[in-house]
Amino acid sequence: MTRGVRTRECDAIGELLAWYVNGTLDAAGCARVEAHTCACERCRMALAMETRVAEVMRAPVDNVEHSPHAGWQKMLERLNVEEGVAARRPARQAAARRNVNWPVAMGIAITVQAAAIVVLAIALVQGRQQAEAPRYRTLSNADTTLAARGSLVRIAFDATVDESTARSLAQRVEGRVLAGPSPENVYTFVFDDAGRIEDRVRTLRREPHVLLVEPVVLGGADTSG
């Protein structure tokens, strides 16, 4: 295989070099990379560069350049000198590095990390808000009560009555739950037919686990009819 011809196999090998260098490529992939780089000088140069980059990145912390731009330039100069192509073969050197654009790759990694941090922060805030939000509709929220059309009855149950039981009782007396439960396990039932409200109140007062039943007065008018 000649040095100046780039094939599809070169492209495929170029995508495997980073995994080969960091030791995470499987046995079949390693054999493929080694067989190809033995015959292809272009890919052999790229492999050497990938290996050197990995070595530099694994260097002790004291060797890390504090200026990202200066550090990158310094690393490129060291790679060029060690490969002996800084002055003689700049075009081939650029072609060998074309598979991995490290400045762009590092920029993308930093951007993705920042985005992940933002998403995590938003998720934590939303989770906290949902955890702190009350899991009931309090009777202090007057919007549904004031906007309701029909007769309203407020019922206080003991702690054994859950929302499903309250809704079942509302259906039995031909009403429906408009609001509740409150923290004190109080519900508001609404009845579209106001003609039998007193009978329904008496029925509800006879129910077990009912502590209090009273018609709701809105705007100074008694809805008990």
Protein backbone atom coordinates (compact mmCIF):
# COMPACT_ATOMS: atom_id res chain seq x y z
CA MET A 1 0.00 0.00 0.00
CA THR A 2 1.53 3.33 -1.02
CA ARG A 3 1.93 6.24 1.31
CA GLY A 4 0.05 8.79 -0.80
CA VAL A 5 -3.17 6.84 -1.45
CA ARG A 6 -5.98 7.15 1.09
CA THR A 7 -8.54 4.34 0.97
CA ARG A 8 -11.79 3.54 2.69
CA GLU A 9 -9.87 1.14 4.89
CA CYS A 10 -7.67 4.06 5.97
CA ASP A 11 -10.80 5.95 7.02
CA ALA A 12 -12.09 2.93 8.94
CA ILE A 13 -8.74 2.39 10.67
CA GLY A 14 -8.56 6.09 11.55
CA GLU A 15 -11.80 5.72 13.54
CA LEU A 16 -10.31 2.81 15.51
CA LEU A 17 -6.95 4.35 16.42
CA ALA A 18 -8.12 6.17 19.55
CA TRP A 19 -9.71 2.99 20.94
CA TYR A 20 -6.61 1.00 20.01
CA VAL A 21 -4.32 3.43 21.82
CA ASN A 22 -6.38 3.58 25.04
CA GLY A 23 -6.65 -0.23 25.18
CA THR A 24 -10.43 -0.53 24.77
CA LEU A 25 -10.50 -2.03 21.26
CA ASP A 26 -11.40 -5.70 21.01
CA ALA A 27 -8.97 -8.35 19.79
CA ALA A 28 -10.34 -8.42 16.24
CA GLY A 29 -10.10 -4.65 15.96
CA CYS A 30 -6.54 -4.63 17.30
CA ALA A 31 -5.50 -7.24 14.77
CA ARG A 32 -7.08 -5.19 11.98
CA VAL A 33 -5.29 -2.00 13.06
CA GLU A 34 -1.92 -3.74 13.40
CA ALA A 35 -2.19 -5.49 10.03
CA HIS A 36 -3.15 -2.27 8.25
CA THR A 37 -0.55 0.00 9.87
CA CYS A 38 2.20 -2.47 9.00
CA ALA A 39 1.47 -1.87 5.32
CA CYS A 40 0.28 1.75 5.35
CA GLU A 41 2.77 4.46 6.31
CA ARG A 42 0.06 7.15 6.41
CA CYS A 43 -1.94 5.28 9.03
CA ARG A 44 1.23 4.26 10.85
CA MET A 45 2.08 7.96 11.24
CA ALA A 46 -1.45 8.65 12.49
CA LEU A 47 -1.12 5.82 15.01
CA ALA A 48 2.18 7.21 16.26
CA MET A 49 0.60 10.62 16.69
CA GLU A 50 -2.41 9.18 18.54
CA THR A 51 -0.04 7.28 20.82
CA ARG A 52 1.99 10.38 21.57
CA VAL A 53 -1.11 12.45 22.25
CA ALA A 54 -2.31 9.82 24.72
CA GLU A 55 1.06 9.84 26.45
CA VAL A 56 1.06 13.62 26.75
CA MET A 57 -2.48 13.63 28.14
CA ARG A 58 -1.50 11.01 30.72
CA ALA A 59 1.53 13.06 31.80
CA PRO A 60 1.74 14.26 35.46
CA VAL A 61 -0.27 17.32 36.43
CA ASP A 62 2.91 19.37 36.84
CA ASN A 63 3.52 19.06 33.10
CA VAL A 64 0.12 20.51 32.12
CA GLU A 65 0.32 23.94 30.51
CA HIS A 66 -1.97 26.43 32.28
CA SER A 67 -2.76 28.29 29.06
CA PRO A 68 -4.93 26.01 26.84
CA HIS A 69 -3.83 27.65 23.59
CA ALA A 70 -0.16 27.72 24.52
CA GLY A 71 -0.32 24.17 25.79
CA TRP A 72 -1.87 22.94 22.55
CA GLN A 73 0.76 24.70 20.44
CA LYS A 74 3.51 23.31 22.64
CA MET A 75 2.20 19.78 22.28
CA LEU A 76 1.99 20.13 18.49
CA GLU A 77 5.57 21.35 18.35
CA ARG A 78 6.73 18.36 20.38
CA LEU A 79 4.84 15.99 18.09
CA ASN A 80 6.29 17.64 14.98
CA VAL A 81 9.85 17.45 16.29
CA GLU A 82 9.60 13.84 17.36
CA GLU A 83 8.10 12.78 14.04
CA GLY A 84 10.71 14.79 12.13
CA VAL A 85 8.14 16.32 9.80
CA ALA A 86 7.77 19.89 11.12
CA ALA A 87 9.60 21.48 8.20
CA ARG A 88 9.76 18.75 5.55
CA ARG A 89 6.25 17.35 5.27
CA PRO A 90 3.62 19.79 6.63
CA ALA A 91 0.97 18.59 4.17
CA ARG A 92 1.34 14.93 5.15
CA GLN A 93 1.33 15.91 8.81
CA ALA A 94 -1.95 17.77 8.37
CA ALA A 95 -3.46 14.80 6.55
CA ALA A 96 -2.42 12.46 9.36
CA ARG A 97 -4.13 14.67 11.93
CA ARG A 98 -7.27 15.14 9.85
CA ASN A 99 -9.02 12.15 11.41
CA VAL A 100 -9.02 13.79 14.85
CA ASN A 101 -9.40 17.54 15.19
CA TRP A 102 -8.41 17.78 18.82
CA PRO A 103 -9.23 21.46 19.47
CA VAL A 104 -12.72 20.96 18.07
CA ALA A 105 -13.13 17.69 19.95
CA MET A 106 -12.12 19.28 23.24
CA GLY A 107 -14.41 22.24 22.60
CA ILE A 108 -17.34 19.91 21.90
CA ALA A 109 -16.60 17.91 25.05
CA ILE A 110 -16.57 21.05 27.19
CA THR A 111 -19.83 22.26 25.61
CA VAL A 112 -21.55 18.91 26.16
CA GLN A 113 -20.37 18.82 29.77
CA ALA A 114 -21.68 22.32 30.42
CA ALA A 115 -25.03 21.46 28.83
CA ALA A 116 -25.27 18.32 30.95
CA ILE A 117 -24.66 20.35 34.11
CA VAL A 118 -27.41 22.80 33.13
CA VAL A 119 -29.88 19.98 32.41
CA LEU A 120 -29.03 18.31 35.73
CA ALA A 121 -29.53 21.57 37.62
CA ILE A 122 -32.93 22.13 35.99
CA ALA A 123 -33.97 18.55 36.77
CA LEU A 124 -32.96 18.96 40.42
CA VAL A 125 -34.90 22.21 40.76
CA GLN A 126 -38.00 20.73 39.14
CA GLY A 127 -37.74 17.63 41.30
CA ARG A 128 -37.48 19.75 44.44
CA GLN A 129 -40.47 21.86 43.41
CA GLN A 130 -42.55 18.75 42.75
CA ALA A 131 -41.49 17.25 46.09
CA GLU A 132 -42.41 20.44 47.95
CA ALA A 133 -45.71 20.98 46.11
CA PRO A 134 -48.81 19.91 48.10
CA ARG A 135 -50.45 16.70 46.91
CA TYR A 136 -53.97 17.90 47.64
CA ARG A 137 -56.33 20.66 46.59
CA THR A 138 -56.99 22.85 49.58
CA LEU A 139 -60.30 24.49 50.27
CA SER A 140 -58.47 27.83 50.50
CA ASN A 141 -58.24 27.71 46.71
CA ALA A 142 -61.55 29.44 46.09
CA ASP A 143 -61.39 29.48 42.29
CA THR A 144 -63.20 26.17 41.73
CA THR A 145 -65.72 26.82 44.50
CA LEU A 146 -66.65 30.33 43.38
CA ALA A 147 -66.93 29.29 39.76
CA ALA A 148 -69.08 26.24 40.49
CA ARG A 149 -72.71 26.14 39.48
CA GLY A 150 -74.88 24.12 41.79
CA SER A 151 -75.28 23.49 45.49
CA LEU A 152 -72.13 22.94 47.51
CA VAL A 153 -71.68 20.87 50.67
CA ARG A 154 -68.56 20.71 52.80
CA ILE A 155 -67.83 17.36 54.45
CA ALA A 156 -65.17 16.55 57.04
CA PHE A 157 -64.17 12.88 57.22
CA ASP A 158 -62.04 11.07 59.75
CA ALA A 159 -58.55 9.91 58.78
CA THR A 160 -59.75 6.49 57.52
CA VAL A 161 -61.48 7.96 54.45
CA ASP A 162 -59.34 8.35 51.32
CA GLU A 163 -60.09 10.20 48.10
CA SER A 164 -61.45 7.12 46.34
CA THR A 165 -63.96 6.51 49.14
CA ALA A 166 -65.02 10.16 49.14
CA ARG A 167 -65.65 10.10 45.38
CA SER A 168 -67.66 6.90 45.69
CA LEU A 169 -69.84 8.49 48.39
CA ALA A 170 -70.35 11.60 46.24
CA GLN A 171 -71.65 9.43 43.40
CA ARG A 172 -74.04 7.62 45.71
CA VAL A 173 -75.71 10.88 46.66
CA GLU A 174 -75.74 12.05 43.01
CA GLY A 175 -72.97 14.59 43.42
CA ARG A 176 -69.26 14.86 42.69
CA VAL A 177 -66.12 15.99 44.44
CA LEU A 178 -65.34 19.61 43.62
CA ALA A 179 -62.37 20.14 45.93
CA GLY A 180 -60.35 18.22 48.48
CA PRO A 181 -58.98 16.66 50.38
CA SER A 182 -57.60 19.46 52.54
CA PRO A 183 -54.94 18.72 55.14
CA GLU A 184 -57.81 18.08 57.59
CA ASN A 185 -59.43 15.61 55.16
CA VAL A 186 -62.26 17.99 54.22
CA TYR A 187 -63.97 17.76 50.81
CA THR A 188 -66.44 19.93 48.93
CA PHE A 189 -69.22 18.14 47.03
CA VAL A 190 -71.24 19.86 44.32
CA PHE A 191 -74.80 18.93 43.32
CA ASP A 192 -76.30 20.12 40.06
CA ASP A 193 -79.82 19.62 41.41
CA ALA A 194 -80.38 21.98 44.36
CA GLY A 195 -83.92 20.76 45.06
CA ARG A 196 -82.89 17.86 47.33
CA ILE A 197 -79.89 19.39 49.04
CA GLU A 198 -81.35 19.03 52.57
CA ASP A 199 -82.11 15.34 52.01
CA ARG A 200 -78.56 14.80 50.80
CA VAL A 201 -77.11 16.62 53.80
CA ARG A 202 -79.11 14.40 56.15
CA THR A 203 -77.97 11.30 54.26
CA LEU A 204 -74.36 12.34 54.44
CA ARG A 205 -74.58 13.03 58.17
CA ARG A 206 -75.70 9.44 58.73
CA GLU A 207 -72.65 8.03 56.92
CA PRO A 208 -69.94 6.42 59.07
CA HIS A 209 -66.62 8.26 59.35
CA VAL A 210 -68.33 11.60 58.62
CA LEU A 211 -67.45 14.19 61.24
CA LEU A 212 -69.25 17.25 59.88
CA VAL A 213 -71.57 18.14 56.97
CA GLU A 214 -72.63 21.71 56.22
CA PRO A 215 -73.99 23.49 53.12
CA VAL A 216 -71.58 26.10 51.71
CA VAL A 217 -72.72 29.73 51.68
CA LEU A 218 -71.31 31.87 48.83
CA GLY A 219 -71.76 35.58 48.45
CA GLY A 220 -74.07 35.85 51.41
CA ALA A 221 -76.62 33.40 49.96
CA ASP A 222 -77.29 30.01 51.46
CA THR A 223 -76.98 27.32 48.74
CA SER A 224 -79.08 24.91 50.76
CA GLY A 225 -82.13 26.32 48.98
